[in-house]
Amino acid sequence: MSDKQIFAAVEVADHEVRMVVGEFFNTRFNILKVERIPTDAMSYDQVLNPEEITKAVRQAADETRKMLGATVEKVILSIPSVAMKRKSVKATVPVEGIDGVITVQDVRTALKNAQQVSIDKNLALIQTVAVKYTVDGIASRRLPVGERASELTVDIDLLCADRQMAFTLVGCIENAGLTVMDIFLDVFAAAKEAALFEQSVDRNVIVLKMERTATTVARLARGRLRECTIVPVGVGTIASPIVDQYGLKRAEAAELVKYSARLNEKVNSTNPVYIWSENGNARKITEQELCDCIRGSVDGWVSDMEKLCGGILQAGPTTVIIAGEGGEMQGLDELLQRKLGCEVRNYIPETLGGRNAGMTCCLGLFYAYKDKLPITGYTDNSLNMEEFLKSVSYRDKKDDQEDTLTRKLKGMFSNSKR
């Protein structure tokens, strides 16, 4: 199993902790376990209760251990893009390999030199991204290991975010008994999952990562994450009129907004989409009533996005991607497309076991981390592999001993021949 790599990704969203365990095996990616633990310990821009986040992370890890038979020891962590800043650095290093051949060590040296650049004391360096390599005047996004040159120039982006939040979240993970393998910005990870960096080479790509209480708006251009801003309006905000008018719980209202409201329809169904009992009396909400109730908050969100995206649209061809929980909303992409006049689409991952827009960031963490391995050379797994191998071996032996239908049929035929 030396060619198998198993990682665990964690995102602390504004209403839940998400943990996904997946494996890369024979160039394929498979999800082994998904855990989503509800918590109100996080807002869109600050950690409200570190102890509760630690508790939720520990619970997710415990549930994963019960399922897989192995302890989660290390995780890849997503950091919210609060106060996100980007610094671009061009680092040139002499090639020190034998016969002037570029090695991974030359790239590591360039990245290390770039990290010496000073940043604001309120920010933390989240990720050092090698965007482009230049060898003998020829630029490429491909790692130039093995090429001959006297020097190597690397265009590097230093992605930073709020220092307090980053340190607090890392502390929560460590207090839960886990080690942080690496950290990435949430919108960077989401863009990795949806392959948006490649799409942004010749156009602007706007990522709207819409969660329960806020929407993170990020712009990608020329294969780089350029800037981010956060608008405090999300799925839960849009659903709040349902809570006020019908007295439903916030989580219930959010689920209704995501899966029971076709926002792009002029006339909706009068069939009930939700029925419940209140004081012994049956109550119901039809799709038409649901859409009428939230129409104002939906229009407000669309108008906010129009204001933020207007200047970008004037700069050239643009594609807008709705990810996060908002990517599950039906017809929201069509409404926004009518308003912006450009291509808008929801992104829902296609990986079996993770086909939910809310999983976009977690799944992107796997690819972001995997893409760095040729440079870092890390070989660690997230699970206790000794426990995992024992668990898998036990299951294989147990399955072999089971009296399967196929074995029964073979026995019947062999007995009839006698």
Protein backbone atom coordinates (compact mmCIF):
# COMPACT_ATOMS: atom_id res chain seq x y z
CA MET A 1 0.00 0.00 0.00
CA SER A 2 3.00 2.28 -0.45
CA ASP A 3 1.27 4.03 -3.38
CA LYS A 4 -1.78 4.84 -1.25
CA GLN A 5 -2.00 8.27 0.38
CA ILE A 6 -4.74 9.02 2.89
CA PHE A 7 -5.41 12.58 4.03
CA ALA A 8 -8.00 14.29 6.23
CA ALA A 9 -9.28 17.78 5.43
CA VAL A 10 -11.03 20.08 7.91
CA GLU A 11 -13.05 23.24 7.32
CA VAL A 12 -14.53 25.21 10.21
CA ALA A 13 -17.51 26.91 8.56
CA ASP A 14 -19.80 29.46 10.18
CA HIS A 15 -22.30 26.81 11.29
CA GLU A 16 -20.51 23.46 11.25
CA VAL A 17 -17.18 21.64 11.31
CA ARG A 18 -16.57 19.58 8.18
CA MET A 19 -14.11 16.71 8.07
CA VAL A 20 -13.45 14.62 4.97
CA VAL A 21 -11.06 11.67 4.81
CA GLY A 22 -9.98 10.59 1.33
CA GLU A 23 -7.36 8.51 -0.40
CA PHE A 24 -5.30 8.92 -3.53
CA PHE A 25 -4.72 5.46 -5.00
CA ASN A 26 -3.49 4.67 -8.52
CA THR A 27 -4.09 8.31 -9.60
CA ARG A 28 -7.70 8.11 -8.41
CA PHE A 29 -9.27 9.96 -5.49
CA ASN A 30 -11.84 8.23 -3.26
CA ILE A 31 -13.71 9.59 -0.26
CA LEU A 32 -13.60 7.29 2.76
CA LYS A 33 -15.58 9.31 5.33
CA VAL A 34 -17.46 12.59 5.64
CA GLU A 35 -18.40 14.14 8.98
CA ARG A 36 -20.38 17.36 9.50
CA ILE A 37 -20.75 18.50 13.11
CA PRO A 38 -23.14 21.47 13.71
CA THR A 39 -21.75 24.27 15.89
CA ASP A 40 -22.46 27.95 16.52
CA ALA A 41 -18.92 28.57 17.76
CA MET A 42 -17.80 30.38 14.59
CA SER A 43 -19.02 33.50 12.80
CA TYR A 44 -17.92 34.56 9.35
CA ASP A 45 -15.14 36.79 10.69
CA GLN A 46 -14.17 35.54 14.15
CA VAL A 47 -13.96 32.53 16.42
CA LEU A 48 -16.67 32.86 19.06
CA ASN A 49 -15.97 29.77 21.17
CA PRO A 50 -12.65 27.94 20.64
CA GLU A 51 -13.54 25.21 23.16
CA GLU A 52 -16.69 24.29 21.23
CA ILE A 53 -14.76 24.13 17.96
CA THR A 54 -12.20 21.86 19.59
CA LYS A 55 -15.02 19.67 20.87
CA ALA A 56 -16.61 19.47 17.40
CA VAL A 57 -13.29 18.60 15.73
CA ARG A 58 -12.65 15.90 18.32
CA GLN A 59 -16.14 14.49 17.77
CA ALA A 60 -15.60 14.37 14.00
CA ALA A 61 -12.28 12.59 14.50
CA ASP A 62 -13.85 10.09 16.91
CA GLU A 63 -16.69 9.27 14.51
CA THR A 64 -14.17 8.80 11.72
CA ARG A 65 -12.08 6.44 13.86
CA LYS A 66 -15.15 4.32 14.63
CA MET A 67 -15.93 3.99 10.94
CA LEU A 68 -12.43 3.43 9.55
CA GLY A 69 -10.87 1.63 12.51
CA ALA A 70 -7.92 4.04 12.52
CA THR A 71 -7.09 7.22 14.44
CA VAL A 72 -6.99 10.57 12.64
CA GLU A 73 -3.64 12.09 13.61
CA LYS A 74 -3.03 14.90 11.10
CA VAL A 75 -5.25 17.17 9.02
CA ILE A 76 -5.10 19.76 6.26
CA LEU A 77 -6.88 22.88 7.52
CA SER A 78 -8.87 25.56 5.72
CA ILE A 79 -8.56 29.16 6.96
CA PRO A 80 -11.36 31.69 6.19
CA SER A 81 -10.25 34.45 3.83
CA VAL A 82 -10.83 37.20 6.40
CA ALA A 83 -8.66 40.28 5.68
CA MET A 84 -7.04 38.33 2.83
CA LYS A 85 -4.03 40.07 1.27
CA ARG A 86 -1.71 38.99 -1.54
CA LYS A 87 1.91 39.98 -1.96
CA SER A 88 3.66 39.14 -5.21
CA VAL A 89 7.39 38.40 -5.06
CA LYS A 90 9.86 37.52 -7.79
CA ALA A 91 12.69 35.37 -6.42
CA THR A 92 15.80 34.57 -8.47
CA VAL A 93 18.25 31.94 -7.26
CA PRO A 94 21.40 30.45 -8.79
CA VAL A 95 21.06 26.84 -9.91
CA GLU A 96 23.30 24.75 -7.67
CA GLY A 97 22.59 21.30 -9.09
CA ILE A 98 25.22 19.16 -10.74
CA ASP A 99 25.94 20.30 -14.33
CA GLY A 100 23.53 23.20 -13.94
CA VAL A 101 20.42 21.02 -13.65
CA ILE A 102 17.50 22.56 -11.76
CA THR A 103 16.45 20.56 -8.70
CA VAL A 104 13.57 20.74 -6.25
CA GLN A 105 15.99 22.25 -3.75
CA ASP A 106 16.41 25.32 -6.01
CA VAL A 107 12.65 25.84 -5.98
CA ARG A 108 12.55 25.44 -2.20
CA THR A 109 15.29 28.03 -1.84
CA ALA A 110 13.31 30.53 -3.95
CA LEU A 111 10.19 29.96 -1.84
CA LYS A 112 12.17 30.31 1.37
CA ASN A 113 13.68 33.60 0.18
CA ALA A 114 10.22 34.93 -0.69
CA GLN A 115 8.99 34.21 2.82
CA GLN A 116 11.49 36.73 4.20
CA VAL A 117 9.33 39.59 2.91
CA SER A 118 7.73 41.49 5.78
CA ILE A 119 3.95 41.46 6.14
CA ASP A 120 1.51 43.38 8.31
CA LYS A 121 1.66 42.33 11.97
CA ASN A 122 -2.11 41.69 11.93
CA LEU A 123 -1.72 39.15 9.13
CA ALA A 124 -0.43 35.60 9.05
CA LEU A 125 1.25 33.99 6.04
CA ILE A 126 -1.13 31.20 5.07
CA GLN A 127 0.44 29.92 1.89
CA THR A 128 3.43 30.48 -0.39
CA VAL A 129 2.32 29.74 -3.96
CA ALA A 130 4.75 29.26 -6.85
CA VAL A 131 2.77 30.72 -9.74
CA LYS A 132 5.28 30.75 -12.59
CA TYR A 133 8.83 29.60 -13.32
CA THR A 134 11.18 31.40 -15.73
CA VAL A 135 14.17 29.57 -17.22
CA ASP A 136 16.33 31.27 -19.90
CA GLY A 137 13.63 33.86 -20.48
CA ILE A 138 10.90 31.26 -21.04
CA ALA A 139 8.04 31.32 -18.52
CA SER A 140 5.98 28.27 -17.63
CA ARG A 141 3.63 27.07 -14.90
CA ARG A 142 5.26 23.64 -15.02
CA LEU A 143 7.87 22.69 -12.42
CA PRO A 144 11.19 22.93 -14.35
CA VAL A 145 13.05 20.20 -12.45
CA GLY A 146 15.67 18.56 -14.68
CA GLU A 147 16.16 21.52 -17.02
CA ARG A 148 19.59 23.12 -17.44
CA ALA A 149 20.10 26.77 -16.53
CA SER A 150 22.40 29.03 -14.57
CA GLU A 151 19.59 30.62 -12.58
CA LEU A 152 15.90 30.15 -11.84
CA THR A 153 13.29 32.88 -11.39
CA VAL A 154 10.04 32.06 -9.60
CA ASP A 155 6.98 34.31 -9.45
CA ILE A 156 5.50 33.74 -5.98
CA ASP A 157 2.29 34.84 -4.31
CA LEU A 158 2.28 35.20 -0.53
CA LEU A 159 -1.33 34.69 0.55
CA CYS A 160 -2.10 36.15 3.97
CA ALA A 161 -5.17 36.36 6.20
CA ASP A 162 -6.24 37.51 9.66
CA ARG A 163 -3.55 36.46 12.12
CA GLN A 164 -5.77 36.04 15.17
CA MET A 165 -8.26 33.81 13.40
CA ALA A 166 -5.58 31.64 11.79
CA PHE A 167 -3.70 31.07 15.05
CA THR A 168 -6.91 30.39 16.98
CA LEU A 169 -8.13 27.78 14.48
CA VAL A 170 -4.78 26.02 14.41
CA GLY A 171 -4.85 26.01 18.22
CA CYS A 172 -8.34 24.43 18.18
CA ILE A 173 -7.08 21.61 15.96
CA GLU A 174 -4.05 20.99 18.16
CA ASN A 175 -6.16 21.08 21.35
CA ALA A 176 -8.29 18.35 19.77
CA GLY A 177 -5.18 16.16 19.70
CA LEU A 178 -4.46 16.56 15.98
CA THR A 179 -1.49 17.95 14.05
CA VAL A 180 -1.94 20.48 11.24
CA MET A 181 -0.13 19.23 8.12
CA ASP A 182 -0.74 22.39 6.11
CA ILE A 183 -3.16 25.33 5.83
CA PHE A 184 -4.85 26.96 2.83
CA LEU A 185 -7.33 29.80 2.32
CA ASP A 186 -10.88 28.51 1.87
CA VAL A 187 -11.47 30.20 -1.50
CA PHE A 188 -8.06 29.01 -2.75
CA ALA A 189 -9.06 25.43 -1.92
CA ALA A 190 -12.50 25.86 -3.52
CA ALA A 191 -10.84 27.15 -6.70
CA LYS A 192 -8.53 24.12 -6.73
CA GLU A 193 -11.46 21.69 -6.53
CA ALA A 194 -13.32 23.40 -9.37
CA ALA A 195 -10.13 23.77 -11.52
CA LEU A 196 -10.74 27.53 -11.68
CA PHE A 197 -7.09 28.59 -11.80
CA GLU A 198 -6.78 26.98 -15.23
CA GLN A 199 -10.00 28.66 -16.38
CA SER A 200 -8.79 32.07 -15.18
CA VAL A 201 -5.73 32.19 -17.45
CA ASP A 202 -7.55 34.15 -20.16
CA ARG A 203 -10.53 35.57 -18.25
CA ASN A 204 -11.68 36.78 -14.85
CA VAL A 205 -13.30 34.18 -12.63
CA ILE A 206 -15.33 35.32 -9.64
CA VAL A 207 -15.88 32.79 -6.86
CA LEU A 208 -18.88 33.37 -4.61
CA LYS A 209 -18.36 31.05 -1.65
CA MET A 210 -21.74 31.38 0.02
CA GLU A 211 -22.13 29.94 3.51
CA ARG A 212 -24.74 30.35 6.25
CA THR A 213 -23.98 33.92 7.38
CA ALA A 214 -21.72 35.40 4.70
CA THR A 215 -20.52 35.26 1.10
CA THR A 216 -16.82 35.41 0.30
CA VAL A 217 -16.24 37.10 -3.06
CA ALA A 218 -12.87 36.25 -4.65
CA ARG A 219 -11.42 37.22 -8.01
CA LEU A 220 -9.09 34.98 -9.98
CA ALA A 221 -7.18 36.25 -13.01
CA ARG A 222 -4.20 34.97 -15.01
CA GLY A 223 -4.10 31.83 -12.93
CA ARG A 224 -3.79 33.65 -9.59
CA LEU A 225 -5.99 34.51 -6.64
CA ARG A 226 -6.07 38.31 -6.78
CA GLU A 227 -8.28 39.60 -3.96
CA CYS A 228 -11.16 38.73 -1.63
CA THR A 229 -13.89 40.51 0.25
CA ILE A 230 -16.62 39.19 2.54
CA VAL A 231 -20.26 40.28 2.48
CA PRO A 232 -22.25 39.39 5.64
CA VAL A 233 -25.16 37.88 3.70
CA GLY A 234 -25.53 34.14 3.24
CA VAL A 235 -28.01 31.29 2.99
CA GLY A 236 -29.11 31.79 6.60
CA THR A 237 -29.60 35.51 6.05
CA ILE A 238 -31.79 34.83 3.03
CA ALA A 239 -33.74 32.28 5.08
CA SER A 240 -34.27 34.60 8.07
CA PRO A 241 -37.72 35.84 6.90
CA ILE A 242 -38.93 32.22 7.13
CA VAL A 243 -37.77 32.07 10.73
CA ASP A 244 -39.53 35.33 11.53
CA GLN A 245 -42.78 34.55 9.73
CA TYR A 246 -43.20 30.84 10.44
CA GLY A 247 -41.13 30.34 13.58
CA LEU A 248 -38.98 27.56 12.11
CA LYS A 249 -35.48 26.80 13.35
CA ARG A 250 -32.68 28.45 11.41
CA ALA A 251 -31.25 25.14 10.20
CA GLU A 252 -34.67 24.02 8.95
CA ALA A 253 -35.22 27.32 7.15
CA ALA A 254 -31.81 27.09 5.46
CA GLU A 255 -32.56 23.58 4.21
CA LEU A 256 -35.87 24.77 2.77
CA VAL A 257 -34.15 27.61 0.94
CA LYS A 258 -31.55 25.27 -0.55
CA TYR A 259 -33.72 22.40 -1.68
CA SER A 260 -37.37 23.49 -1.87
CA ALA A 261 -37.34 26.90 -3.57
CA ARG A 262 -36.96 27.24 -7.34
CA LEU A 263 -35.92 30.87 -7.37
CA ASN A 264 -35.82 31.27 -11.15
CA GLU A 265 -39.51 30.38 -11.67
CA LYS A 266 -42.00 33.22 -12.18
CA VAL A 267 -44.84 31.07 -10.86
CA ASN A 268 -44.13 28.36 -8.30
CA SER A 269 -46.07 25.31 -7.22
CA THR A 270 -48.84 25.56 -4.65
CA ASN A 271 -48.00 22.09 -3.34
CA PRO A 272 -46.69 21.93 0.24
CA VAL A 273 -42.91 21.70 0.62
CA TYR A 274 -42.91 21.57 4.41
CA ILE A 275 -45.49 20.34 6.91
CA TRP A 276 -45.20 20.46 10.70
CA SER A 277 -47.32 20.48 13.84
CA GLU A 278 -47.68 23.50 16.11
CA ASN A 279 -49.76 23.36 19.28
CA GLY A 280 -51.55 20.31 17.90
CA ASN A 281 -52.41 22.05 14.63
CA ALA A 282 -50.96 21.07 11.26
CA ARG A 283 -49.17 23.83 9.39
CA LYS A 284 -47.66 23.91 5.93
CA ILE A 285 -45.65 26.05 3.55
CA THR A 286 -46.13 25.84 -0.22
CA GLU A 287 -43.32 26.51 -2.65
CA GLN A 288 -45.04 29.72 -3.76
CA GLU A 289 -45.32 30.95 -0.16
CA LEU A 290 -41.68 30.03 0.46
CA CYS A 291 -40.40 31.93 -2.57
CA ASP A 292 -42.63 34.95 -1.83
CA CYS A 293 -41.31 35.02 1.74
CA ILE A 294 -37.64 35.16 0.76
CA ARG A 295 -37.93 37.13 -2.48
CA GLY A 296 -36.79 40.38 -0.89
CA SER A 297 -33.70 38.88 0.76
CA VAL A 298 -32.76 37.03 -2.45
CA ASP A 299 -33.04 40.24 -4.49
CA GLY A 300 -30.92 42.01 -1.88
CA TRP A 301 -28.15 39.40 -2.20
CA VAL A 302 -28.24 39.61 -5.99
CA SER A 303 -27.99 43.41 -5.85
CA ASP A 304 -25.00 43.19 -3.48
CA MET A 305 -23.21 40.84 -5.86
CA GLU A 306 -23.98 43.12 -8.81
CA LYS A 307 -22.33 46.06 -7.04
CA LEU A 308 -19.22 44.04 -6.19
CA CYS A 309 -18.85 42.41 -9.61
CA GLY A 310 -19.73 45.41 -11.79
CA GLY A 311 -16.19 46.77 -12.11
CA ILE A 312 -14.73 43.33 -12.83
CA LEU A 313 -17.27 42.69 -15.59
CA GLN A 314 -16.17 45.84 -17.38
CA ALA A 315 -12.56 44.62 -17.44
CA GLY A 316 -13.25 41.74 -19.82
CA PRO A 317 -14.79 38.26 -20.16
CA THR A 318 -15.91 36.97 -16.76
CA THR A 319 -17.33 33.76 -15.34
CA VAL A 320 -19.04 33.62 -11.94
CA ILE A 321 -19.07 30.43 -9.84
CA ILE A 322 -21.35 29.95 -6.82
CA ALA A 323 -19.88 27.47 -4.34
CA GLY A 324 -20.32 26.64 -0.68
CA GLU A 325 -23.83 26.05 0.68
CA GLY A 326 -25.24 28.59 -1.77
CA GLY A 327 -24.29 26.32 -4.65
CA GLU A 328 -27.16 24.05 -3.60
CA MET A 329 -29.81 26.76 -4.13
CA GLN A 330 -31.99 26.16 -7.16
CA GLY A 331 -32.20 28.95 -9.72
CA LEU A 332 -29.97 31.43 -7.88
CA ASP A 333 -27.36 31.14 -10.63
CA GLU A 334 -29.95 31.99 -13.29
CA LEU A 335 -31.18 35.04 -11.35
CA LEU A 336 -27.65 36.35 -10.97
CA GLN A 337 -26.86 35.66 -14.63
CA ARG A 338 -29.81 37.78 -15.72
CA LYS A 339 -28.55 40.60 -13.52
CA LEU A 340 -24.86 40.43 -14.46
CA GLY A 341 -25.18 39.48 -18.11
CA CYS A 342 -22.34 36.94 -17.93
CA GLU A 343 -22.00 33.20 -17.39
CA VAL A 344 -22.99 32.17 -13.86
CA ARG A 345 -23.15 28.58 -12.64
CA ASN A 346 -23.35 26.60 -9.44
CA TYR A 347 -20.46 24.30 -8.66
CA ILE A 348 -21.25 20.89 -7.18
CA PRO A 349 -18.35 18.40 -6.83
CA GLU A 350 -18.65 15.18 -8.82
CA THR A 351 -16.63 12.97 -6.47
CA LEU A 352 -18.73 10.08 -5.17
CA GLY A 353 -19.52 10.70 -1.51
CA GLY A 354 -18.91 14.44 -1.76
CA ARG A 355 -21.56 15.60 -4.22
CA ASN A 356 -22.59 18.62 -2.21
CA ALA A 357 -21.57 22.21 -2.90
CA GLY A 358 -20.77 22.65 0.78
CA MET A 359 -17.95 20.13 0.39
CA THR A 360 -16.13 22.14 -2.30
CA CYS A 361 -13.53 23.64 0.04
CA CYS A 362 -12.75 20.40 1.88
CA LEU A 363 -12.26 18.50 -1.36
CA GLY A 364 -10.11 21.30 -2.75
CA LEU A 365 -7.77 20.99 0.24
CA PHE A 366 -6.78 17.52 -0.99
CA TYR A 367 -5.73 18.81 -4.42
CA ALA A 368 -4.04 21.91 -3.04
CA TYR A 369 -1.95 19.75 -0.72
CA LYS A 370 -1.30 17.09 -3.37
CA ASP A 371 -0.04 19.71 -5.84
CA LYS A 372 2.59 20.84 -3.33
CA LEU A 373 4.04 17.39 -2.68
CA PRO A 374 6.51 17.42 -5.62
CA ILE A 375 8.09 20.50 -3.98
CA THR A 376 7.76 19.67 -0.28
CA GLY A 377 8.44 15.95 -0.63
CA TYR A 378 6.18 15.18 2.35
CA THR A 379 5.15 11.53 2.72
CA ASP A 380 2.97 11.68 5.84
CA ASN A 381 -0.54 10.25 5.95
CA SER A 382 -3.36 11.63 8.10
CA LEU A 383 -4.40 8.30 9.60
CA ASN A 384 -2.50 5.94 11.83
CA MET A 385 -1.60 3.60 8.98
CA GLU A 386 -0.71 0.68 11.24
CA GLU A 387 -4.23 0.72 12.66
CA PHE A 388 -5.72 1.23 9.22
CA LEU A 389 -3.85 -1.73 7.71
CA LYS A 390 -4.99 -3.95 10.57
CA SER A 391 -8.56 -2.79 10.10
CA VAL A 392 -8.50 -3.44 6.37
CA SER A 393 -6.85 -6.83 6.82
CA TYR A 394 -9.48 -7.83 9.38
CA ARG A 395 -12.29 -6.83 7.06
CA ASP A 396 -10.76 -8.78 4.17
CA LYS A 397 -10.49 -11.94 6.28
CA LYS A 398 -14.02 -11.48 7.58
CA ASP A 399 -15.39 -11.08 4.07
CA ASP A 400 -13.56 -14.22 2.91
CA GLN A 401 -15.21 -16.24 5.67
CA GLU A 402 -18.71 -15.06 4.85
CA ASP A 403 -20.96 -17.59 3.17
CA THR A 404 -21.77 -15.53 0.06
CA LEU A 405 -24.56 -16.23 -2.40
CA THR A 406 -22.01 -16.99 -5.12
CA ARG A 407 -20.35 -19.66 -2.93
CA LYS A 408 -23.73 -21.20 -2.15
CA LEU A 409 -24.61 -21.44 -5.84
CA LYS A 410 -21.27 -23.04 -6.66
CA GLY A 411 -21.87 -25.57 -3.91
CA MET A 412 -25.31 -26.42 -5.24
CA PHE A 413 -23.97 -27.09 -8.72
CA SER A 414 -21.07 -29.20 -7.48
CA ASN A 415 -23.40 -31.26 -5.30
CA SER A 416 -25.83 -31.87 -8.18
CA LYS A 417 -23.02 -33.25 -10.35
CA ARG A 418 -22.27 -35.82 -7.74
